[in-house]
Amino acid sequence: MPGYSNSRVIPLVYPVWFLILPLCLLSACASSLNICNKLSDTEYTCSDYRIILERWTRKGSIHKGLKTELLVTVTYKTEEFRRGYTEEYARVYMLTTLQHKAVIDDQARAAKDYDDFLVSIYTPEKQWDDFSEKDSLWKVYLIRDGRFRTEPLEIRRVRKNRALSESFYPFISPWSSIYIFRFKKEDQPQPSKSVELVFTSARGDIIVKSEPNNGIEICL
């Protein structure tokens, strides 16, 4: 017809799944956000716990010839780790909302006030496994930014149980001892760019070095 081109107007017809899919995604996201709370503005998903655990866990050892004198596995309880642990704990034990909030609050207070390390120790010599004793063979220090050295506020031996090992710290063996090494954050003048946990004795030394953006590494 005069005044009209040969082009056709094609109606936009979307398949039903195209309209439904965004609604499903929104619903899934809302559900995830309801389950996975947070300690800070960093988002967290429950499936991340094992990845976070590996990121903040390292192993070190002291050997004399072919003999192993000390095996150490250290998990640095950073804010990121505490978030992951909180959500995994709530999932494993099916916590109520109030119980979940109590765990979140407890971990948030600890993250604000302390640098905590969960340490698994194995040594074939029972007398060397005395980290919590006043006259221990070992000295433990936290060195921040390579110059601020702090002694532990507390070294506490933790009673092992199967649920703890299998669900949260699978590297714990039946032959290891578990400790919490706690250091006060207020002893440092400003947030640290690097942290070194030092184990030293006449038997040898292990240094666990942590940097906020790079996880942790072991220096022997």
Protein backbone atom coordinates (compact mmCIF):
# COMPACT_ATOMS: atom_id res chain seq x y z
CA MET A 1 0.00 0.00 0.00
CA PRO A 2 1.22 3.51 -0.69
CA GLY A 3 3.00 5.13 2.28
CA TYR A 4 3.87 1.80 3.86
CA SER A 5 7.11 -0.18 3.68
CA ASN A 6 7.38 -3.91 3.29
CA SER A 7 8.73 -4.37 6.80
CA ARG A 8 6.67 -6.35 9.28
CA VAL A 9 6.16 -5.63 12.93
CA ILE A 10 7.05 -8.76 14.91
CA PRO A 11 5.24 -9.00 18.24
CA LEU A 12 7.47 -9.74 21.24
CA VAL A 13 6.26 -13.08 22.51
CA TYR A 14 8.31 -14.53 25.43
CA PRO A 15 8.12 -18.17 26.42
CA VAL A 16 6.56 -18.79 29.82
CA TRP A 17 9.86 -19.97 31.35
CA PHE A 18 11.49 -16.65 30.45
CA LEU A 19 9.03 -14.82 32.67
CA ILE A 20 9.08 -17.37 35.48
CA LEU A 21 12.87 -17.79 35.78
CA PRO A 22 13.60 -14.31 37.23
CA LEU A 23 10.90 -14.86 39.84
CA CYS A 24 12.46 -18.17 40.83
CA LEU A 25 15.90 -16.60 41.08
CA LEU A 26 14.58 -13.78 43.22
CA SER A 27 12.84 -16.28 45.46
CA ALA A 28 16.02 -18.36 45.83
CA CYS A 29 18.09 -15.29 46.65
CA ALA A 30 15.58 -14.14 49.24
CA SER A 31 15.62 -17.58 50.84
CA SER A 32 19.43 -17.63 50.92
CA LEU A 33 19.58 -14.20 52.53
CA ASN A 34 17.10 -15.28 55.19
CA ILE A 35 19.21 -18.31 56.10
CA CYS A 36 22.70 -16.86 55.78
CA ASN A 37 23.05 -13.86 58.03
CA LYS A 38 26.32 -11.95 58.31
CA LEU A 39 28.63 -10.37 60.86
CA SER A 40 29.56 -7.49 58.57
CA ASP A 41 28.68 -6.05 55.16
CA THR A 42 30.45 -8.93 53.35
CA GLU A 43 27.92 -11.39 51.90
CA TYR A 44 28.29 -15.07 52.72
CA THR A 45 26.80 -18.29 51.40
CA CYS A 46 26.66 -21.47 53.45
CA SER A 47 28.54 -23.59 50.91
CA ASP A 48 31.68 -21.47 51.35
CA TYR A 49 32.73 -22.86 54.74
CA ARG A 50 35.22 -25.50 53.54
CA ILE A 51 36.80 -23.02 51.12
CA ILE A 52 37.16 -20.45 53.90
CA LEU A 53 38.55 -23.08 56.29
CA GLU A 54 41.23 -24.04 53.77
CA ARG A 55 42.06 -20.39 53.09
CA TRP A 56 42.85 -19.70 56.75
CA THR A 57 44.43 -23.06 57.67
CA ARG A 58 48.06 -24.11 57.18
CA LYS A 59 50.41 -26.84 58.43
CA GLY A 60 53.99 -26.76 59.67
CA SER A 61 56.42 -29.21 61.21
CA ILE A 62 59.73 -29.62 62.98
CA HIS A 63 61.97 -32.54 62.05
CA LYS A 64 65.27 -33.82 63.39
CA GLY A 65 66.69 -36.00 60.66
CA LEU A 66 63.94 -38.43 59.71
CA LYS A 67 62.13 -37.99 63.03
CA THR A 68 59.06 -35.78 63.30
CA GLU A 69 59.17 -33.80 66.52
CA LEU A 70 56.14 -31.54 66.03
CA LEU A 71 53.25 -31.23 63.59
CA VAL A 72 51.16 -28.07 63.79
CA THR A 73 47.92 -27.19 61.98
CA VAL A 74 46.71 -23.62 62.53
CA THR A 75 43.36 -22.03 61.69
CA TYR A 76 43.34 -18.25 62.06
CA LYS A 77 39.87 -17.15 63.19
CA THR A 78 39.54 -14.06 61.06
CA GLU A 79 36.25 -12.25 60.68
CA GLU A 80 35.70 -14.08 57.39
CA PHE A 81 36.33 -17.43 59.06
CA ARG A 82 33.99 -16.60 61.95
CA ARG A 83 31.20 -15.78 59.48
CA GLY A 84 31.67 -19.10 57.74
CA TYR A 85 31.85 -21.02 61.01
CA THR A 86 28.70 -19.33 62.34
CA GLU A 87 26.64 -20.28 59.30
CA GLU A 88 27.99 -23.84 59.20
CA TYR A 89 27.31 -24.29 62.92
CA ALA A 90 23.75 -23.03 62.48
CA ARG A 91 23.21 -25.39 59.55
CA VAL A 92 24.67 -28.49 61.23
CA TYR A 93 22.73 -28.01 64.48
CA MET A 94 19.58 -26.57 62.86
CA LEU A 95 19.58 -23.58 65.20
CA THR A 96 16.52 -21.47 65.78
CA THR A 97 16.63 -17.80 64.85
CA LEU A 98 17.36 -16.79 68.44
CA GLN A 99 20.07 -19.43 68.84
CA HIS A 100 21.62 -18.40 65.55
CA LYS A 101 21.67 -14.76 66.59
CA ALA A 102 23.34 -15.68 69.89
CA VAL A 103 26.16 -17.43 68.02
CA ILE A 104 26.53 -14.48 65.64
CA ASP A 105 26.73 -12.04 68.56
CA ASP A 106 29.27 -14.19 70.38
CA GLN A 107 31.52 -14.47 67.32
CA ALA A 108 31.17 -10.76 66.55
CA ARG A 109 32.31 -9.82 70.07
CA ALA A 110 35.25 -12.20 69.84
CA ALA A 111 36.27 -10.88 66.41
CA LYS A 112 36.25 -7.32 67.73
CA ASP A 113 38.34 -7.99 70.84
CA TYR A 114 40.65 -10.91 70.01
CA ASP A 115 42.90 -12.62 67.50
CA ASP A 116 42.13 -16.30 68.03
CA PHE A 117 43.89 -19.31 66.55
CA LEU A 118 42.70 -22.91 66.71
CA VAL A 119 45.83 -25.05 66.79
CA SER A 120 46.10 -28.80 66.33
CA ILE A 121 49.32 -30.23 67.80
CA TYR A 122 50.87 -33.63 67.28
CA THR A 123 54.13 -34.70 68.90
CA PRO A 124 55.34 -38.25 69.63
CA GLU A 125 56.79 -37.06 72.93
CA LYS A 126 54.01 -36.50 75.46
CA GLN A 127 56.11 -34.16 77.61
CA TRP A 128 56.46 -31.75 74.68
CA ASP A 129 52.69 -31.32 74.42
CA ASP A 130 52.51 -28.81 77.26
CA PHE A 131 51.53 -25.54 75.54
CA SER A 132 48.95 -24.59 78.19
CA GLU A 133 51.32 -25.23 81.11
CA LYS A 134 52.88 -22.29 82.93
CA ASP A 135 56.39 -23.73 82.58
CA SER A 136 55.90 -24.96 79.00
CA LEU A 137 58.86 -25.91 76.84
CA TRP A 138 57.42 -23.62 74.18
CA LYS A 139 57.10 -19.88 73.83
CA VAL A 140 54.34 -18.54 71.61
CA TYR A 141 54.15 -14.98 70.28
CA LEU A 142 52.01 -13.00 67.88
CA ILE A 143 53.99 -10.53 65.78
CA ARG A 144 52.00 -7.84 63.99
CA ASP A 145 53.45 -5.97 61.02
CA GLY A 146 56.85 -7.47 61.72
CA ARG A 147 57.51 -5.43 64.86
CA PHE A 148 54.73 -5.51 67.49
CA ARG A 149 55.14 -8.67 69.56
CA THR A 150 52.40 -9.84 71.92
CA GLU A 151 52.23 -12.78 74.30
CA PRO A 152 49.03 -14.84 74.51
CA LEU A 153 46.29 -13.66 76.80
CA GLU A 154 45.25 -17.30 77.09
CA ILE A 155 46.31 -20.73 75.86
CA ARG A 156 43.44 -23.12 76.46
CA ARG A 157 43.38 -26.82 75.75
CA VAL A 158 40.14 -27.87 74.06
CA ARG A 159 38.44 -31.18 74.65
CA LYS A 160 38.06 -33.03 71.36
CA ASN A 161 34.85 -34.58 70.16
CA ARG A 162 33.94 -36.38 66.96
CA ALA A 163 31.33 -33.85 65.85
CA LEU A 164 33.81 -30.98 66.18
CA SER A 165 36.40 -32.83 64.12
CA GLU A 166 34.19 -34.14 61.34
CA SER A 167 31.93 -31.13 60.85
CA PHE A 168 34.19 -28.14 61.40
CA TYR A 169 37.88 -29.14 61.55
CA PRO A 170 38.38 -32.37 59.56
CA PHE A 171 42.16 -32.09 59.85
CA ILE A 172 41.99 -32.98 63.57
CA SER A 173 43.27 -36.50 64.15
CA PRO A 174 42.72 -38.87 67.09
CA TRP A 175 46.38 -38.42 68.03
CA SER A 176 46.46 -34.61 68.13
CA SER A 177 45.77 -32.13 70.91
CA ILE A 178 43.67 -29.02 70.30
CA TYR A 179 44.37 -25.55 71.69
CA ILE A 180 42.95 -22.06 71.40
CA PHE A 181 45.61 -19.34 71.39
CA ARG A 182 44.04 -15.97 72.21
CA PHE A 183 45.63 -12.52 71.85
CA LYS A 184 44.06 -9.18 72.72
CA LYS A 185 43.49 -6.90 69.72
CA GLU A 186 43.58 -3.78 71.84
CA ASP A 187 47.28 -4.40 72.46
CA GLN A 188 47.98 -3.29 68.89
CA PRO A 189 47.95 0.42 67.94
CA GLN A 190 46.14 -0.09 64.61
CA PRO A 191 44.77 -2.86 62.35
CA SER A 192 47.58 -5.14 61.22
CA LYS A 193 48.63 -5.66 57.62
CA SER A 194 50.39 -8.92 58.52
CA VAL A 195 50.32 -11.32 61.45
CA GLU A 196 52.85 -13.99 62.42
CA LEU A 197 52.15 -16.71 64.98
CA VAL A 198 55.50 -17.93 66.31
CA PHE A 199 56.18 -21.24 68.07
CA THR A 200 59.70 -21.44 69.44
CA SER A 201 61.71 -23.73 71.74
CA ALA A 202 65.03 -25.53 71.97
CA ARG A 203 63.47 -28.15 69.66
CA GLY A 204 62.99 -25.67 66.78
CA ASP A 205 60.74 -22.91 65.44
CA ILE A 206 57.61 -22.59 63.33
CA ILE A 207 56.26 -19.27 62.06
CA VAL A 208 52.73 -19.05 60.65
CA LYS A 209 52.41 -15.86 58.63
CA SER A 210 49.07 -14.30 57.74
CA GLU A 211 48.19 -11.42 55.46
CA PRO A 212 44.55 -10.27 55.26
CA ASN A 213 44.24 -10.60 51.48
CA ASN A 214 46.45 -13.63 50.93
CA GLY A 215 45.49 -16.26 53.52
CA ILE A 216 48.36 -17.68 55.55
CA GLU A 217 51.69 -19.34 54.88
CA ILE A 218 54.16 -21.36 56.92
CA CYS A 219 57.78 -20.33 57.45
CA LEU A 220 60.04 -22.93 59.09
